[in-house]
Amino acid sequence: MEYREIMYIRTITKCKSITKAADSLYIAQPSLSQALHRVEEYYGAEFFWRTKAGLVITDAGKAYLEAADKMEKLYNDAKEELKNSPEKMGRICFGTPSAQGGVLLPDFLQRFHAAFPHVELKLCERTSVALERMVADGTLDLAMLHRPFIEHELSHISIYEEPFLLAAAAESDAPASGSESKPLQLCAAEMLAERDLILPDENMRMRGIVDRVLSLAKVTPKISYTTTNMLTALCMASKGLGVTIVPRYLANAYKDFLKFDLYRLPDSWGARWELVVAYRDNYEMPDICSSMVHILQETVASMPEIFE
């Protein structure tokens, strides 16, 4: 059975006329007659009686449509079962910024593959600008991004929100400030003005946050270096090559390996961003994708040493 043939038989049954059915289907009457003849010849039975009231479907025709209805139901049931099954086969194209992914992805992937071993999660690591574009044009199903967005206003689900901190070379051999024994000091605008700054590359999402901080702090920066890798910036700051502004998760992830002091920034400088899972507008998120987002939220919650 082909879908087109089934549609033809159903339409003829409804219209009780080859001519009217052909008009309804926007095809030529001879083409529809030939299609009906092929189906009847294949099954060796007549599907319609010709009466004064028009074409009336025969028992053979009814049996054909009943079989078609059963096949369609089986197909839809199987489709729904696969859609909602935790064993669903398939692939999700998921984008992530490299720095964020390096800290969060290993734990998340371990949890995801344990829950959905038959789902392929195809990772794409790009800059935030590139990821926004790929979500907007449908290349990616989902992407881990930060708000506010840069170019596109995408639909999103929040994962968590965090502040940015100032990192500077440690003044002692003690662990990085910010531990329970040493709360963070407040960074003054004078500190930003007097120190050399290590900034994110101007094409990076973080650069927009840092530029806003400097603007609201009314500071003209003395730039020592720019980099596309904020871990590099953090390492450089720990060696006294300048100070840098980084998201809290990055400082927390490396505070046991690098020697630096951390300072909190005034709330009025707007040094915060929100991690979200972004998707294009009008995208009907499958259950498997919703489960993936939930696992990502659980992963963040299970790592308070990094994300709090």
Protein backbone atom coordinates (compact mmCIF):
# COMPACT_ATOMS: atom_id res chain seq x y z
CA MET A 1 0.00 0.00 0.00
CA GLU A 2 1.18 3.48 -0.84
CA TYR A 3 -0.09 6.60 0.90
CA ARG A 4 -1.05 8.19 -2.41
CA GLU A 5 -3.16 5.19 -3.44
CA ILE A 6 -4.91 5.11 -0.07
CA MET A 7 -5.70 8.82 -0.39
CA TYR A 8 -7.13 8.21 -3.87
CA ILE A 9 -9.46 5.42 -2.68
CA ARG A 10 -10.64 7.46 0.31
CA THR A 11 -11.36 10.52 -1.82
CA ILE A 12 -13.32 8.52 -4.43
CA THR A 13 -15.34 6.93 -1.62
CA LYS A 14 -16.17 10.37 -0.24
CA CYS A 15 -16.94 12.05 -3.58
CA LYS A 16 -18.68 9.01 -5.20
CA SER A 17 -17.29 10.20 -8.52
CA ILE A 18 -13.98 9.90 -10.35
CA THR A 19 -14.39 13.39 -11.81
CA LYS A 20 -15.21 15.08 -8.50
CA ALA A 21 -12.43 13.16 -6.72
CA ALA A 22 -9.92 14.20 -9.39
CA ASP A 23 -10.95 17.84 -8.97
CA SER A 24 -10.61 17.54 -5.19
CA LEU A 25 -7.15 16.00 -5.57
CA TYR A 26 -6.08 18.52 -8.25
CA ILE A 27 -5.13 15.77 -10.72
CA ALA A 28 -6.43 14.83 -14.16
CA GLN A 29 -9.45 12.50 -14.29
CA PRO A 30 -7.69 9.96 -16.59
CA SER A 31 -4.73 9.78 -14.19
CA LEU A 32 -7.03 8.98 -11.26
CA SER A 33 -8.92 6.35 -13.30
CA GLN A 34 -5.64 4.68 -14.24
CA ALA A 35 -4.46 4.72 -10.60
CA LEU A 36 -7.70 3.07 -9.46
CA HIS A 37 -7.41 0.46 -12.22
CA ARG A 38 -3.86 -0.41 -11.14
CA VAL A 39 -4.90 -0.89 -7.53
CA GLU A 40 -7.89 -3.06 -8.45
CA GLU A 41 -5.78 -5.12 -10.83
CA TYR A 42 -3.07 -5.62 -8.19
CA TYR A 43 -5.56 -6.90 -5.57
CA GLY A 44 -7.75 -8.73 -8.11
CA ALA A 45 -10.96 -7.11 -6.95
CA GLU A 46 -13.29 -4.25 -7.80
CA PHE A 47 -13.33 -1.50 -5.19
CA PHE A 48 -16.45 0.37 -6.45
CA TRP A 49 -19.86 -0.43 -7.88
CA ARG A 50 -21.20 2.03 -10.40
CA THR A 51 -24.78 3.01 -9.50
CA LYS A 52 -27.20 5.79 -10.40
CA ALA A 53 -26.25 7.50 -7.14
CA GLY A 54 -22.57 7.35 -8.08
CA LEU A 55 -19.69 5.10 -7.10
CA VAL A 56 -20.33 2.93 -4.05
CA ILE A 57 -17.45 1.17 -2.33
CA THR A 58 -17.52 -2.63 -2.37
CA ASP A 59 -16.68 -5.02 0.47
CA ALA A 60 -13.22 -5.43 -1.08
CA GLY A 61 -12.77 -1.67 -1.08
CA LYS A 62 -13.88 -1.47 2.55
CA ALA A 63 -11.43 -4.23 3.49
CA TYR A 64 -8.66 -2.30 1.75
CA LEU A 65 -9.39 0.91 3.69
CA GLU A 66 -9.74 -0.98 6.98
CA ALA A 67 -6.32 -2.52 6.41
CA ALA A 68 -4.94 0.93 5.56
CA ASP A 69 -6.38 2.35 8.81
CA LYS A 70 -4.75 -0.45 10.83
CA MET A 71 -1.40 0.15 9.16
CA GLU A 72 -1.63 3.87 9.83
CA LYS A 73 -2.49 3.26 13.50
CA LEU A 74 0.42 0.84 13.90
CA TYR A 75 2.75 3.40 12.35
CA ASN A 76 1.55 6.24 14.60
CA ASP A 77 1.68 4.04 17.71
CA ALA A 78 5.24 2.98 16.90
CA LYS A 79 6.24 6.57 16.23
CA GLU A 80 4.81 7.74 19.57
CA GLU A 81 6.42 4.84 21.43
CA LEU A 82 9.82 5.62 19.97
CA LYS A 83 9.37 9.31 20.68
CA ASN A 84 8.68 8.75 24.39
CA SER A 85 10.82 5.69 25.02
CA PRO A 86 13.99 6.11 27.13
CA GLU A 87 15.58 3.63 24.72
CA LYS A 88 14.89 5.90 21.76
CA MET A 89 17.36 5.67 18.94
CA GLY A 90 18.36 8.96 17.46
CA ARG A 91 20.77 11.86 17.46
CA ILE A 92 20.79 15.28 19.11
CA CYS A 93 23.05 18.00 17.76
CA PHE A 94 24.18 19.97 20.81
CA GLY A 95 26.41 23.04 20.82
CA THR A 96 28.58 24.31 23.64
CA PRO A 97 31.26 26.97 24.19
CA SER A 98 34.64 25.29 24.72
CA ALA A 99 35.46 26.79 28.13
CA GLN A 100 32.09 25.99 29.70
CA GLY A 101 32.01 22.56 28.11
CA GLY A 102 35.39 21.57 29.49
CA VAL A 103 34.19 22.04 33.07
CA LEU A 104 30.61 20.79 32.82
CA LEU A 105 30.45 18.35 29.91
CA PRO A 106 32.34 15.33 31.33
CA ASP A 107 29.95 14.88 34.28
CA PHE A 108 26.91 15.71 32.15
CA LEU A 109 27.86 13.26 29.37
CA GLN A 110 28.45 10.49 31.88
CA ARG A 111 24.96 10.99 33.31
CA PHE A 112 23.31 11.36 29.90
CA HIS A 113 24.81 8.22 28.35
CA ALA A 114 23.95 6.21 31.45
CA ALA A 115 20.30 7.26 31.09
CA PHE A 116 20.10 7.13 27.27
CA PRO A 117 22.75 4.72 25.94
CA HIS A 118 21.09 4.46 22.52
CA VAL A 119 20.99 8.18 21.78
CA GLU A 120 23.91 9.77 19.93
CA LEU A 121 24.76 13.20 21.28
CA LYS A 122 26.73 15.02 18.59
CA LEU A 123 28.77 17.82 20.14
CA CYS A 124 29.70 21.04 18.39
CA GLU A 125 32.14 23.42 20.12
CA ARG A 126 32.13 26.96 18.71
CA THR A 127 32.10 30.57 19.82
CA SER A 128 28.85 31.87 21.29
CA VAL A 129 28.17 33.96 18.19
CA ALA A 130 28.56 30.95 15.91
CA LEU A 131 26.39 28.77 18.17
CA GLU A 132 23.59 31.35 18.19
CA ARG A 133 23.56 31.38 14.40
CA MET A 134 23.59 27.57 14.18
CA VAL A 135 20.63 27.29 16.56
CA ALA A 136 18.71 29.98 14.67
CA ASP A 137 19.20 28.31 11.27
CA GLY A 138 18.42 24.81 12.57
CA THR A 139 21.92 23.34 12.27
CA LEU A 140 21.85 22.63 16.01
CA ASP A 141 18.90 21.28 17.97
CA LEU A 142 20.07 22.82 21.24
CA ALA A 143 23.03 24.82 22.51
CA MET A 144 24.40 25.75 25.90
CA LEU A 145 24.68 29.55 25.78
CA HIS A 146 24.68 32.60 28.01
CA ARG A 147 22.12 35.36 28.19
CA PRO A 148 21.74 38.08 27.19
CA PHE A 149 22.25 36.76 23.67
CA ILE A 150 24.40 38.58 21.14
CA GLU A 151 22.66 38.47 17.75
CA HIS A 152 19.49 36.35 18.01
CA GLU A 153 16.67 36.29 20.54
CA LEU A 154 16.19 32.53 20.96
CA SER A 155 13.84 30.49 23.11
CA HIS A 156 15.62 29.11 26.16
CA ILE A 157 15.48 27.17 29.42
CA SER A 158 17.49 28.50 32.35
CA ILE A 159 20.21 26.37 33.93
CA TYR A 160 21.76 28.76 36.47
CA GLU A 161 22.95 32.35 36.97
CA GLU A 162 26.37 33.41 38.22
CA PRO A 163 28.50 36.51 38.83
CA PHE A 164 31.84 37.47 37.31
CA LEU A 165 34.84 37.93 39.60
CA LEU A 166 38.16 39.75 39.37
CA ALA A 167 41.20 37.45 39.55
CA ALA A 168 44.64 38.77 40.48
CA ALA A 169 47.95 37.18 41.47
CA ALA A 170 47.85 35.85 45.02
CA GLU A 171 49.49 38.02 47.65
CA SER A 172 50.38 34.94 49.74
CA ASP A 173 50.76 31.18 49.35
CA ALA A 174 47.34 30.58 50.88
CA PRO A 175 44.60 28.94 48.76
CA ALA A 176 42.70 31.18 46.37
CA SER A 177 40.48 33.63 48.20
CA GLY A 178 36.82 32.81 48.19
CA SER A 179 37.10 29.74 50.37
CA GLU A 180 35.03 29.40 53.55
CA SER A 181 37.92 30.79 55.61
CA LYS A 182 38.38 33.94 53.55
CA PRO A 183 35.34 35.68 52.05
CA LEU A 184 35.72 37.79 48.95
CA GLN A 185 36.74 41.42 49.18
CA LEU A 186 34.97 44.04 47.09
CA CYS A 187 36.83 45.30 44.04
CA ALA A 188 37.07 49.08 43.77
CA ALA A 189 37.12 50.95 40.48
CA GLU A 190 40.61 52.22 41.33
CA MET A 191 41.93 48.67 41.25
CA LEU A 192 40.69 48.20 37.68
CA ALA A 193 42.10 51.55 36.65
CA GLU A 194 45.54 50.99 38.16
CA ARG A 195 46.18 47.40 37.04
CA ASP A 196 46.96 46.01 33.59
CA LEU A 197 43.98 44.04 32.30
CA ILE A 198 43.87 40.72 30.46
CA LEU A 199 40.72 40.83 28.37
CA PRO A 200 38.69 38.29 26.38
CA ASP A 201 38.91 38.60 22.62
CA GLU A 202 36.43 41.15 21.26
CA ASN A 203 34.51 38.41 19.40
CA MET A 204 33.82 36.48 22.59
CA ARG A 205 30.57 36.60 24.58
CA MET A 206 32.55 37.35 27.77
CA ARG A 207 34.01 40.48 26.21
CA GLY A 208 30.59 42.09 26.16
CA ILE A 209 30.20 41.47 29.89
CA VAL A 210 33.67 42.83 30.66
CA ASP A 211 33.18 45.92 28.48
CA ARG A 212 29.92 46.64 30.31
CA VAL A 213 31.68 46.32 33.68
CA LEU A 214 34.41 48.75 32.63
CA SER A 215 31.85 51.19 31.28
CA LEU A 216 29.71 51.18 34.43
CA ALA A 217 32.85 51.40 36.60
CA LYS A 218 33.90 54.37 34.45
CA VAL A 219 37.32 52.84 33.87
CA THR A 220 39.51 53.21 30.77
CA PRO A 221 41.44 49.93 30.80
CA LYS A 222 45.18 49.52 30.41
CA ILE A 223 45.14 46.36 28.29
CA SER A 224 48.13 44.07 28.63
CA TYR A 225 46.82 41.08 26.66
CA THR A 226 43.72 39.75 24.94
CA THR A 227 42.98 36.04 24.56
CA THR A 228 40.32 33.69 23.21
CA ASN A 229 40.87 31.30 26.13
CA MET A 230 39.82 32.51 29.56
CA LEU A 231 41.73 29.71 31.27
CA THR A 232 44.82 31.20 29.67
CA ALA A 233 43.78 34.60 31.06
CA LEU A 234 43.37 33.09 34.53
CA CYS A 235 46.81 31.43 34.35
CA MET A 236 48.38 34.70 33.20
CA ALA A 237 46.72 36.57 36.06
CA SER A 238 48.06 34.02 38.55
CA LYS A 239 51.58 34.83 37.28
CA GLY A 240 51.12 38.56 37.80
CA LEU A 241 50.82 39.48 34.11
CA GLY A 242 47.67 41.47 34.78
CA VAL A 243 44.26 41.05 36.34
CA THR A 244 41.29 39.50 34.56
CA ILE A 245 37.52 39.27 34.94
CA VAL A 246 36.19 35.72 34.74
CA PRO A 247 32.93 33.90 35.49
CA ARG A 248 32.78 32.32 38.92
CA TYR A 249 32.64 28.72 37.66
CA LEU A 250 36.03 29.08 35.96
CA ALA A 251 37.68 30.49 39.08
CA ASN A 252 36.13 27.76 41.23
CA ALA A 253 37.26 25.03 38.82
CA TYR A 254 40.93 26.03 39.00
CA LYS A 255 41.34 27.64 42.43
CA ASP A 256 43.05 24.52 43.79
CA PHE A 257 45.62 24.48 40.98
CA LEU A 258 46.45 28.14 40.45
CA LYS A 259 47.44 30.83 42.92
CA PHE A 260 45.19 33.85 42.61
CA ASP A 261 43.03 36.09 44.74
CA LEU A 262 39.40 36.74 43.85
CA TYR A 263 37.41 39.93 44.34
CA ARG A 264 33.69 40.38 43.96
CA LEU A 265 32.41 43.17 41.71
CA PRO A 266 29.73 45.67 42.78
CA ASP A 267 26.21 44.66 41.80
CA SER A 268 25.77 48.01 40.05
CA TRP A 269 28.36 46.97 37.44
CA GLY A 270 26.03 44.25 36.10
CA ALA A 271 28.73 41.58 36.11
CA ARG A 272 26.43 38.56 35.78
CA TRP A 273 25.19 36.21 33.12
CA GLU A 274 22.73 33.32 32.88
CA LEU A 275 23.57 29.88 31.50
CA VAL A 276 20.70 28.52 29.40
CA VAL A 277 19.89 25.84 26.88
CA ALA A 278 18.80 27.71 23.77
CA TYR A 279 16.64 26.51 20.89
CA ARG A 280 15.00 28.15 17.90
CA ASP A 281 11.53 29.62 18.12
CA ASN A 282 8.64 27.27 17.21
CA TYR A 283 10.88 24.24 17.82
CA GLU A 284 8.76 21.41 19.26
CA MET A 285 11.22 19.95 21.71
CA PRO A 286 11.08 16.12 21.79
CA ASP A 287 10.84 14.43 25.17
CA ILE A 288 14.42 13.18 24.85
CA CYS A 289 15.67 16.78 24.55
CA SER A 290 13.62 17.84 27.57
CA SER A 291 15.19 14.97 29.51
CA MET A 292 18.62 16.09 28.38
CA VAL A 293 18.02 19.62 29.72
CA HIS A 294 16.83 18.15 33.03
CA ILE A 295 20.01 16.07 33.29
CA LEU A 296 22.08 19.19 32.62
CA GLN A 297 20.27 21.02 35.44
CA GLU A 298 20.85 18.05 37.76
CA THR A 299 24.54 18.00 36.84
CA VAL A 300 24.99 21.67 37.74
CA ALA A 301 23.16 21.14 41.03
CA SER A 302 25.45 18.20 41.85
CA MET A 303 28.59 20.36 41.52
CA PRO A 304 28.22 23.09 44.17
CA GLU A 305 32.00 23.36 44.49
CA ILE A 306 32.03 24.72 40.91
CA PHE A 307 28.71 26.45 40.43
CA GLU A 308 28.15 28.07 43.83
